[in-house]
Amino acid sequence: MSMDFTDQRLSYEKGELSQQSVPTSPFELLNVWMDEAIEQKIQEPYAMSLATCGSDNKPSVRIVLLREITDTGIVFYTNYESAKGQDIAENPNAEVLFFWHELERQIRISGSIAKIEADKSAAYFQKRPHDSQVGAWVSQPQSGAVANREVMERKFEQLQSDYAASTQVPTPQFWGGYEITVDSIEFWQGRANRMHDRIVYTKESADGSEHWETKRLLP
């Protein structure tokens, strides 16, 4: 059964993006757009599609949650032994995409990726809800096959018993954060007639220092 969506389209007319008005740092604009998405009460605006590619040259994409914007990149947390963790170990480059339909905006971020400090990961893990901490131990090895859901639920119940609410759940060695150190960020604002605004920041190096250059891209 085929489905044809060629007649399904919307005209994007909610905003504009001028190269002359953007700040010199992409992180300033990233924070502004994120704040506006939160103010508009977009559900989980920090949810982002993470694309990785391992040594098999097959790209993989999934949703992860942004947990911090730093001065040099963005941070998320996951299982280091997951499929994405294996990809990252084999090819330390990644790209993420935010899409906020309500604002008719996209942000693409690409760069190199590496684990953050273990103590920072542990500090974040201990701030997670107790049951989410338990769930991290259940999901090991993440993406591994399991006979049925009941197996997962029994393991979850056993770990809940082992780590009662009054007992601190230890941070798994196989779990922690990654930071994508940004090389480029593209900000996309939908416009009418598919004449979208696309401004890309690219990190450039000269005379031992780094700076950001901006360019307008054709839609």
C-alpha atoms as a PDB file:
ATOM      1  CA  MET A   1       0.000   0.000   0.000  1.00  0.00           C
ATOM      2  CA  SER A   2       1.510   3.322  -1.059  1.00  0.00           C
ATOM      3  CA  MET A   3       0.783   6.772   0.371  1.00  0.00           C
ATOM      4  CA  ASP A   4       1.145  10.040  -1.532  1.00  0.00           C
ATOM      5  CA  PHE A   5       1.890  13.218   0.412  1.00  0.00           C
ATOM      6  CA  THR A   6       2.702  15.479  -2.526  1.00  0.00           C
ATOM      7  CA  ASP A   7      -0.340  17.683  -1.897  1.00  0.00           C
ATOM      8  CA  GLN A   8       0.356  18.046   1.842  1.00  0.00           C
ATOM      9  CA  ARG A   9       2.289  21.232   2.546  1.00  0.00           C
ATOM     10  CA  LEU A  10       2.308  24.282   4.796  1.00  0.00           C
ATOM     11  CA  SER A  11       3.551  27.814   4.263  1.00  0.00           C
ATOM     12  CA  TYR A  12       6.023  28.909   6.943  1.00  0.00           C
ATOM     13  CA  GLU A  13       5.445  32.540   7.857  1.00  0.00           C
ATOM     14  CA  LYS A  14       6.159  32.973  11.583  1.00  0.00           C
ATOM     15  CA  GLY A  15       9.576  34.608  11.538  1.00  0.00           C
ATOM     16  CA  GLU A  16      12.737  35.639   9.763  1.00  0.00           C
ATOM     17  CA  LEU A  17      16.487  35.430  10.351  1.00  0.00           C
ATOM     18  CA  SER A  18      18.896  38.134   9.183  1.00  0.00           C
ATOM     19  CA  GLN A  19      22.640  37.552   8.880  1.00  0.00           C
ATOM     20  CA  GLN A  20      23.233  41.168   9.885  1.00  0.00           C
ATOM     21  CA  SER A  21      21.339  40.793  13.163  1.00  0.00           C
ATOM     22  CA  VAL A  22      22.736  37.515  14.509  1.00  0.00           C
ATOM     23  CA  PRO A  23      25.276  37.644  17.382  1.00  0.00           C
ATOM     24  CA  THR A  24      28.948  36.856  16.840  1.00  0.00           C
ATOM     25  CA  SER A  25      28.712  33.653  18.919  1.00  0.00           C
ATOM     26  CA  PRO A  26      26.368  30.833  17.880  1.00  0.00           C
ATOM     27  CA  PHE A  27      25.941  29.830  21.512  1.00  0.00           C
ATOM     28  CA  GLU A  28      24.286  33.176  22.258  1.00  0.00           C
ATOM     29  CA  LEU A  29      21.710  32.560  19.524  1.00  0.00           C
ATOM     30  CA  LEU A  30      21.321  28.922  20.573  1.00  0.00           C
ATOM     31  CA  ASN A  31      20.468  30.030  24.119  1.00  0.00           C
ATOM     32  CA  VAL A  32      18.032  32.683  22.851  1.00  0.00           C
ATOM     33  CA  TRP A  33      16.203  30.217  20.604  1.00  0.00           C
ATOM     34  CA  MET A  34      16.108  27.593  23.354  1.00  0.00           C
ATOM     35  CA  ASP A  35      14.693  30.134  25.828  1.00  0.00           C
ATOM     36  CA  GLU A  36      12.019  31.129  23.307  1.00  0.00           C
ATOM     37  CA  ALA A  37      11.088  27.482  22.723  1.00  0.00           C
ATOM     38  CA  ILE A  38      10.716  26.975  26.492  1.00  0.00           C
ATOM     39  CA  GLU A  39       8.656  30.165  26.815  1.00  0.00           C
ATOM     40  CA  GLN A  40       6.346  28.910  24.047  1.00  0.00           C
ATOM     41  CA  LYS A  41       5.874  25.738  26.140  1.00  0.00           C
ATOM     42  CA  ILE A  42       7.062  23.450  23.366  1.00  0.00           C
ATOM     43  CA  GLN A  43       7.111  19.944  24.767  1.00  0.00           C
ATOM     44  CA  GLU A  44      10.688  18.893  25.495  1.00  0.00           C
ATOM     45  CA  PRO A  45      12.375  21.485  23.259  1.00  0.00           C
ATOM     46  CA  TYR A  46      15.716  20.030  24.384  1.00  0.00           C
ATOM     47  CA  ALA A  47      14.928  16.699  22.643  1.00  0.00           C
ATOM     48  CA  MET A  48      17.310  16.301  19.709  1.00  0.00           C
ATOM     49  CA  SER A  49      17.946  13.774  16.969  1.00  0.00           C
ATOM     50  CA  LEU A  50      21.490  12.442  17.330  1.00  0.00           C
ATOM     51  CA  ALA A  51      23.147  11.009  14.220  1.00  0.00           C
ATOM     52  CA  THR A  52      26.255   8.831  14.481  1.00  0.00           C
ATOM     53  CA  CYS A  53      28.130   6.541  12.108  1.00  0.00           C
ATOM     54  CA  GLY A  54      30.493   3.740  13.087  1.00  0.00           C
ATOM     55  CA  SER A  55      33.125   1.864  11.144  1.00  0.00           C
ATOM     56  CA  ASP A  56      30.434   0.089   9.118  1.00  0.00           C
ATOM     57  CA  ASN A  57      29.612   3.461   7.451  1.00  0.00           C
ATOM     58  CA  LYS A  58      25.921   2.994   8.246  1.00  0.00           C
ATOM     59  CA  PRO A  59      24.371   6.091   9.827  1.00  0.00           C
ATOM     60  CA  SER A  60      22.116   5.732  12.858  1.00  0.00           C
ATOM     61  CA  VAL A  61      19.805   8.320  14.363  1.00  0.00           C
ATOM     62  CA  ARG A  62      17.795   8.451  17.582  1.00  0.00           C
ATOM     63  CA  ILE A  63      16.347  10.995  20.026  1.00  0.00           C
ATOM     64  CA  VAL A  64      18.399  11.991  23.076  1.00  0.00           C
ATOM     65  CA  LEU A  65      17.921  14.848  25.548  1.00  0.00           C
ATOM     66  CA  LEU A  66      20.182  17.894  25.686  1.00  0.00           C
ATOM     67  CA  ARG A  67      21.254  18.419  29.280  1.00  0.00           C
ATOM     68  CA  GLU A  68      23.709  21.323  29.098  1.00  0.00           C
ATOM     69  CA  ILE A  69      24.962  24.036  26.781  1.00  0.00           C
ATOM     70  CA  THR A  70      28.611  24.811  27.575  1.00  0.00           C
ATOM     71  CA  ASP A  71      30.959  27.464  26.217  1.00  0.00           C
ATOM     72  CA  THR A  72      32.199  25.037  23.562  1.00  0.00           C
ATOM     73  CA  GLY A  73      29.433  22.520  22.950  1.00  0.00           C
ATOM     74  CA  ILE A  74      26.435  20.558  24.158  1.00  0.00           C
ATOM     75  CA  VAL A  75      26.142  17.657  26.617  1.00  0.00           C
ATOM     76  CA  PHE A  76      23.877  14.609  26.770  1.00  0.00           C
ATOM     77  CA  TYR A  77      23.964  11.375  28.798  1.00  0.00           C
ATOM     78  CA  THR A  78      23.587   7.750  27.740  1.00  0.00           C
ATOM     79  CA  ASN A  79      24.877   4.192  28.079  1.00  0.00           C
ATOM     80  CA  TYR A  80      28.499   4.068  26.896  1.00  0.00           C
ATOM     81  CA  GLU A  81      28.048   0.451  25.749  1.00  0.00           C
ATOM     82  CA  SER A  82      24.997   1.224  23.604  1.00  0.00           C
ATOM     83  CA  ALA A  83      24.962   1.149  19.811  1.00  0.00           C
ATOM     84  CA  LYS A  84      25.543   4.904  19.776  1.00  0.00           C
ATOM     85  CA  GLY A  85      28.427   4.480  22.209  1.00  0.00           C
ATOM     86  CA  GLN A  86      30.023   1.918  19.888  1.00  0.00           C
ATOM     87  CA  ASP A  87      29.582   4.293  16.930  1.00  0.00           C
ATOM     88  CA  ILE A  88      31.213   7.114  18.863  1.00  0.00           C
ATOM     89  CA  ALA A  89      34.146   4.902  19.905  1.00  0.00           C
ATOM     90  CA  GLU A  90      34.756   4.058  16.241  1.00  0.00           C
ATOM     91  CA  ASN A  91      34.028   7.496  14.774  1.00  0.00           C
ATOM     92  CA  PRO A  92      34.089  10.469  17.190  1.00  0.00           C
ATOM     93  CA  ASN A  93      31.990  12.768  15.011  1.00  0.00           C
ATOM     94  CA  ALA A  94      28.292  13.446  15.379  1.00  0.00           C
ATOM     95  CA  GLU A  95      25.460  15.754  14.393  1.00  0.00           C
ATOM     96  CA  VAL A  96      22.248  16.675  16.168  1.00  0.00           C
ATOM     97  CA  LEU A  97      19.044  18.276  14.946  1.00  0.00           C
ATOM     98  CA  PHE A  98      16.387  20.210  16.817  1.00  0.00           C
ATOM     99  CA  PHE A  99      13.062  20.808  15.046  1.00  0.00           C
ATOM    100  CA  TRP A 100      10.397  23.024  16.608  1.00  0.00           C
ATOM    101  CA  HIS A 101       7.351  22.982  14.347  1.00  0.00           C
ATOM    102  CA  GLU A 102       5.517  25.545  16.461  1.00  0.00           C
ATOM    103  CA  LEU A 103       8.275  28.097  15.804  1.00  0.00           C
ATOM    104  CA  GLU A 104       9.062  26.827  12.281  1.00  0.00           C
ATOM    105  CA  ARG A 105      12.708  26.479  13.275  1.00  0.00           C
ATOM    106  CA  GLN A 106      15.503  23.954  13.006  1.00  0.00           C
ATOM    107  CA  ILE A 107      19.019  23.893  14.469  1.00  0.00           C
ATOM    108  CA  ARG A 108      21.738  21.568  13.156  1.00  0.00           C
ATOM    109  CA  ILE A 109      24.873  21.134  15.264  1.00  0.00           C
ATOM    110  CA  SER A 110      27.917  19.138  14.196  1.00  0.00           C
ATOM    111  CA  GLY A 111      31.293  18.496  15.769  1.00  0.00           C
ATOM    112  CA  SER A 112      33.605  16.070  17.516  1.00  0.00           C
ATOM    113  CA  ILE A 113      32.343  14.059  20.462  1.00  0.00           C
ATOM    114  CA  ALA A 114      34.039  12.734  23.610  1.00  0.00           C
ATOM    115  CA  LYS A 115      33.155  11.524  27.103  1.00  0.00           C
ATOM    116  CA  ILE A 116      32.969  14.124  29.852  1.00  0.00           C
ATOM    117  CA  GLU A 117      34.648  13.767  33.257  1.00  0.00           C
ATOM    118  CA  ALA A 118      33.449  10.789  35.314  1.00  0.00           C
ATOM    119  CA  ASP A 119      32.771  12.937  38.402  1.00  0.00           C
ATOM    120  CA  LYS A 120      30.504  15.245  36.380  1.00  0.00           C
ATOM    121  CA  SER A 121      28.584  12.242  35.050  1.00  0.00           C
ATOM    122  CA  ALA A 122      28.231  10.853  38.586  1.00  0.00           C
ATOM    123  CA  ALA A 123      26.969  14.194  39.910  1.00  0.00           C
ATOM    124  CA  TYR A 124      24.301  14.318  37.205  1.00  0.00           C
ATOM    125  CA  PHE A 125      23.321  10.664  37.715  1.00  0.00           C
ATOM    126  CA  GLN A 126      22.658  11.292  41.406  1.00  0.00           C
ATOM    127  CA  LYS A 127      20.287  14.162  40.491  1.00  0.00           C
ATOM    128  CA  ARG A 128      18.114  11.857  38.359  1.00  0.00           C
ATOM    129  CA  PRO A 129      14.859  10.438  39.783  1.00  0.00           C
ATOM    130  CA  HIS A 130      15.473   7.250  41.789  1.00  0.00           C
ATOM    131  CA  ASP A 131      13.552   5.009  39.382  1.00  0.00           C
ATOM    132  CA  SER A 132      15.437   6.454  36.400  1.00  0.00           C
ATOM    133  CA  GLN A 133      18.668   5.548  38.148  1.00  0.00           C
ATOM    134  CA  VAL A 134      17.388   1.990  38.593  1.00  0.00           C
ATOM    135  CA  GLY A 135      16.303   1.931  34.944  1.00  0.00           C
ATOM    136  CA  ALA A 136      19.850   2.695  33.831  1.00  0.00           C
ATOM    137  CA  TRP A 137      21.005  -0.540  35.463  1.00  0.00           C
ATOM    138  CA  VAL A 138      18.166  -2.499  33.817  1.00  0.00           C
ATOM    139  CA  SER A 139      19.138  -1.233  30.366  1.00  0.00           C
ATOM    140  CA  GLN A 140      22.414  -3.121  30.219  1.00  0.00           C
ATOM    141  CA  PRO A 141      23.533  -3.933  27.664  1.00  0.00           C
ATOM    142  CA  GLN A 142      21.447  -1.189  26.053  1.00  0.00           C
ATOM    143  CA  SER A 143      19.959  -2.291  22.725  1.00  0.00           C
ATOM    144  CA  GLY A 144      20.686  -5.912  23.664  1.00  0.00           C
ATOM    145  CA  ALA A 145      17.980  -8.480  22.906  1.00  0.00           C
ATOM    146  CA  VAL A 146      15.624  -9.505  25.711  1.00  0.00           C
ATOM    147  CA  ALA A 147      13.212 -12.463  25.753  1.00  0.00           C
ATOM    148  CA  ASN A 148      10.186 -10.386  26.757  1.00  0.00           C
ATOM    149  CA  ARG A 149       9.096  -7.352  28.773  1.00  0.00           C
ATOM    150  CA  GLU A 150       8.511  -9.470  31.867  1.00  0.00           C
ATOM    151  CA  VAL A 151      12.249 -10.143  32.095  1.00  0.00           C
ATOM    152  CA  MET A 152      12.890  -6.397  32.191  1.00  0.00           C
ATOM    153  CA  GLU A 153      10.175  -5.796  34.773  1.00  0.00           C
ATOM    154  CA  ARG A 154      11.452  -8.539  37.080  1.00  0.00           C
ATOM    155  CA  LYS A 155      14.947  -7.099  36.927  1.00  0.00           C
ATOM    156  CA  PHE A 156      13.581  -3.612  37.625  1.00  0.00           C
ATOM    157  CA  GLU A 157      11.634  -4.868  40.661  1.00  0.00           C
ATOM    158  CA  GLN A 158      14.668  -6.721  41.981  1.00  0.00           C
ATOM    159  CA  LEU A 159      16.849  -3.634  41.654  1.00  0.00           C
ATOM    160  CA  GLN A 160      14.181  -1.486  43.298  1.00  0.00           C
ATOM    161  CA  SER A 161      14.330  -3.896  46.203  1.00  0.00           C
ATOM    162  CA  ASP A 162      18.132  -3.878  46.252  1.00  0.00           C
ATOM    163  CA  TYR A 163      18.243  -0.092  46.111  1.00  0.00           C
ATOM    164  CA  ALA A 164      15.350   1.070  48.241  1.00  0.00           C
ATOM    165  CA  ALA A 165      14.446   4.746  48.037  1.00  0.00           C
ATOM    166  CA  SER A 166      16.628   5.361  51.096  1.00  0.00           C
ATOM    167  CA  THR A 167      19.643   3.724  49.458  1.00  0.00           C
ATOM    168  CA  GLN A 168      21.814   5.581  46.972  1.00  0.00           C
ATOM    169  CA  VAL A 169      21.964   3.934  43.563  1.00  0.00           C
ATOM    170  CA  PRO A 170      25.602   3.745  42.433  1.00  0.00           C
ATOM    171  CA  THR A 171      26.536   5.383  39.157  1.00  0.00           C
ATOM    172  CA  PRO A 172      27.185   2.663  36.556  1.00  0.00           C
ATOM    173  CA  GLN A 173      30.658   2.649  35.044  1.00  0.00           C
ATOM    174  CA  PHE A 174      29.008   2.032  31.668  1.00  0.00           C
ATOM    175  CA  TRP A 175      26.894   5.195  31.874  1.00  0.00           C
ATOM    176  CA  GLY A 176      27.764   8.860  31.539  1.00  0.00           C
ATOM    177  CA  GLY A 177      27.899  12.017  29.506  1.00  0.00           C
ATOM    178  CA  TYR A 178      29.232  13.026  26.120  1.00  0.00           C
ATOM    179  CA  GLU A 179      30.027  16.530  24.933  1.00  0.00           C
ATOM    180  CA  ILE A 180      29.839  17.479  21.278  1.00  0.00           C
ATOM    181  CA  THR A 181      32.453  20.182  20.738  1.00  0.00           C
ATOM    182  CA  VAL A 182      30.840  22.322  18.075  1.00  0.00           C
ATOM    183  CA  ASP A 183      32.452  22.918  14.689  1.00  0.00           C
ATOM    184  CA  SER A 184      29.371  24.349  12.968  1.00  0.00           C
ATOM    185  CA  ILE A 185      25.800  25.332  13.801  1.00  0.00           C
ATOM    186  CA  GLU A 186      23.109  26.060  11.240  1.00  0.00           C
ATOM    187  CA  PHE A 187      20.010  28.031  12.244  1.00  0.00           C
ATOM    188  CA  TRP A 188      17.004  27.535   9.959  1.00  0.00           C
ATOM    189  CA  GLN A 189      13.910  29.734  10.012  1.00  0.00           C
ATOM    190  CA  GLY A 190      11.029  28.709   7.780  1.00  0.00           C
ATOM    191  CA  ARG A 191       9.785  31.351   5.355  1.00  0.00           C
ATOM    192  CA  ALA A 192       6.998  31.593   2.787  1.00  0.00           C
ATOM    193  CA  ASN A 193       7.400  30.097  -0.686  1.00  0.00           C
ATOM    194  CA  ARG A 194      10.185  27.803   0.580  1.00  0.00           C
ATOM    195  CA  MET A 195      12.510  30.834   0.661  1.00  0.00           C
ATOM    196  CA  HIS A 196      13.804  29.773   4.059  1.00  0.00           C
ATOM    197  CA  ASP A 197      16.456  31.655   6.044  1.00  0.00           C
ATOM    198  CA  ARG A 198      19.557  29.553   6.727  1.00  0.00           C
ATOM    199  CA  ILE A 199      22.507  31.033   8.615  1.00  0.00           C
ATOM    200  CA  VAL A 200      25.466  28.782   9.385  1.00  0.00           C
ATOM    201  CA  TYR A 201      28.252  29.476  11.870  1.00  0.00           C
ATOM    202  CA  THR A 202      31.591  27.787  11.143  1.00  0.00           C
ATOM    203  CA  LYS A 203      34.548  27.711  13.508  1.00  0.00           C
ATOM    204  CA  GLU A 204      37.699  29.053  11.860  1.00  0.00           C
ATOM    205  CA  SER A 205      41.282  29.212  13.123  1.00  0.00           C
ATOM    206  CA  ALA A 206      43.828  31.892  12.346  1.00  0.00           C
ATOM    207  CA  ASP A 207      47.065  32.997  14.046  1.00  0.00           C
ATOM    208  CA  GLY A 208      46.533  30.552  16.885  1.00  0.00           C
ATOM    209  CA  SER A 209      43.048  31.799  17.762  1.00  0.00           C
ATOM    210  CA  GLU A 210      39.557  30.663  16.853  1.00  0.00           C
ATOM    211  CA  HIS A 211      36.585  32.689  15.712  1.00  0.00           C
ATOM    212  CA  TRP A 212      33.178  32.134  14.146  1.00  0.00           C
ATOM    213  CA  GLU A 213      32.253  33.043  10.597  1.00  0.00           C
ATOM    214  CA  THR A 214      28.675  33.246   9.347  1.00  0.00           C
ATOM    215  CA  LYS A 215      27.279  32.574   5.918  1.00  0.00           C
ATOM    216  CA  ARG A 216      23.802  32.614   4.415  1.00  0.00           C
ATOM    217  CA  LEU A 217      22.924  29.376   2.626  1.00  0.00           C
ATOM    218  CA  LEU A 218      20.454  28.916  -0.185  1.00  0.00           C
ATOM    219  CA  PRO A 219      17.273  27.207   1.015  1.00  0.00           C
END
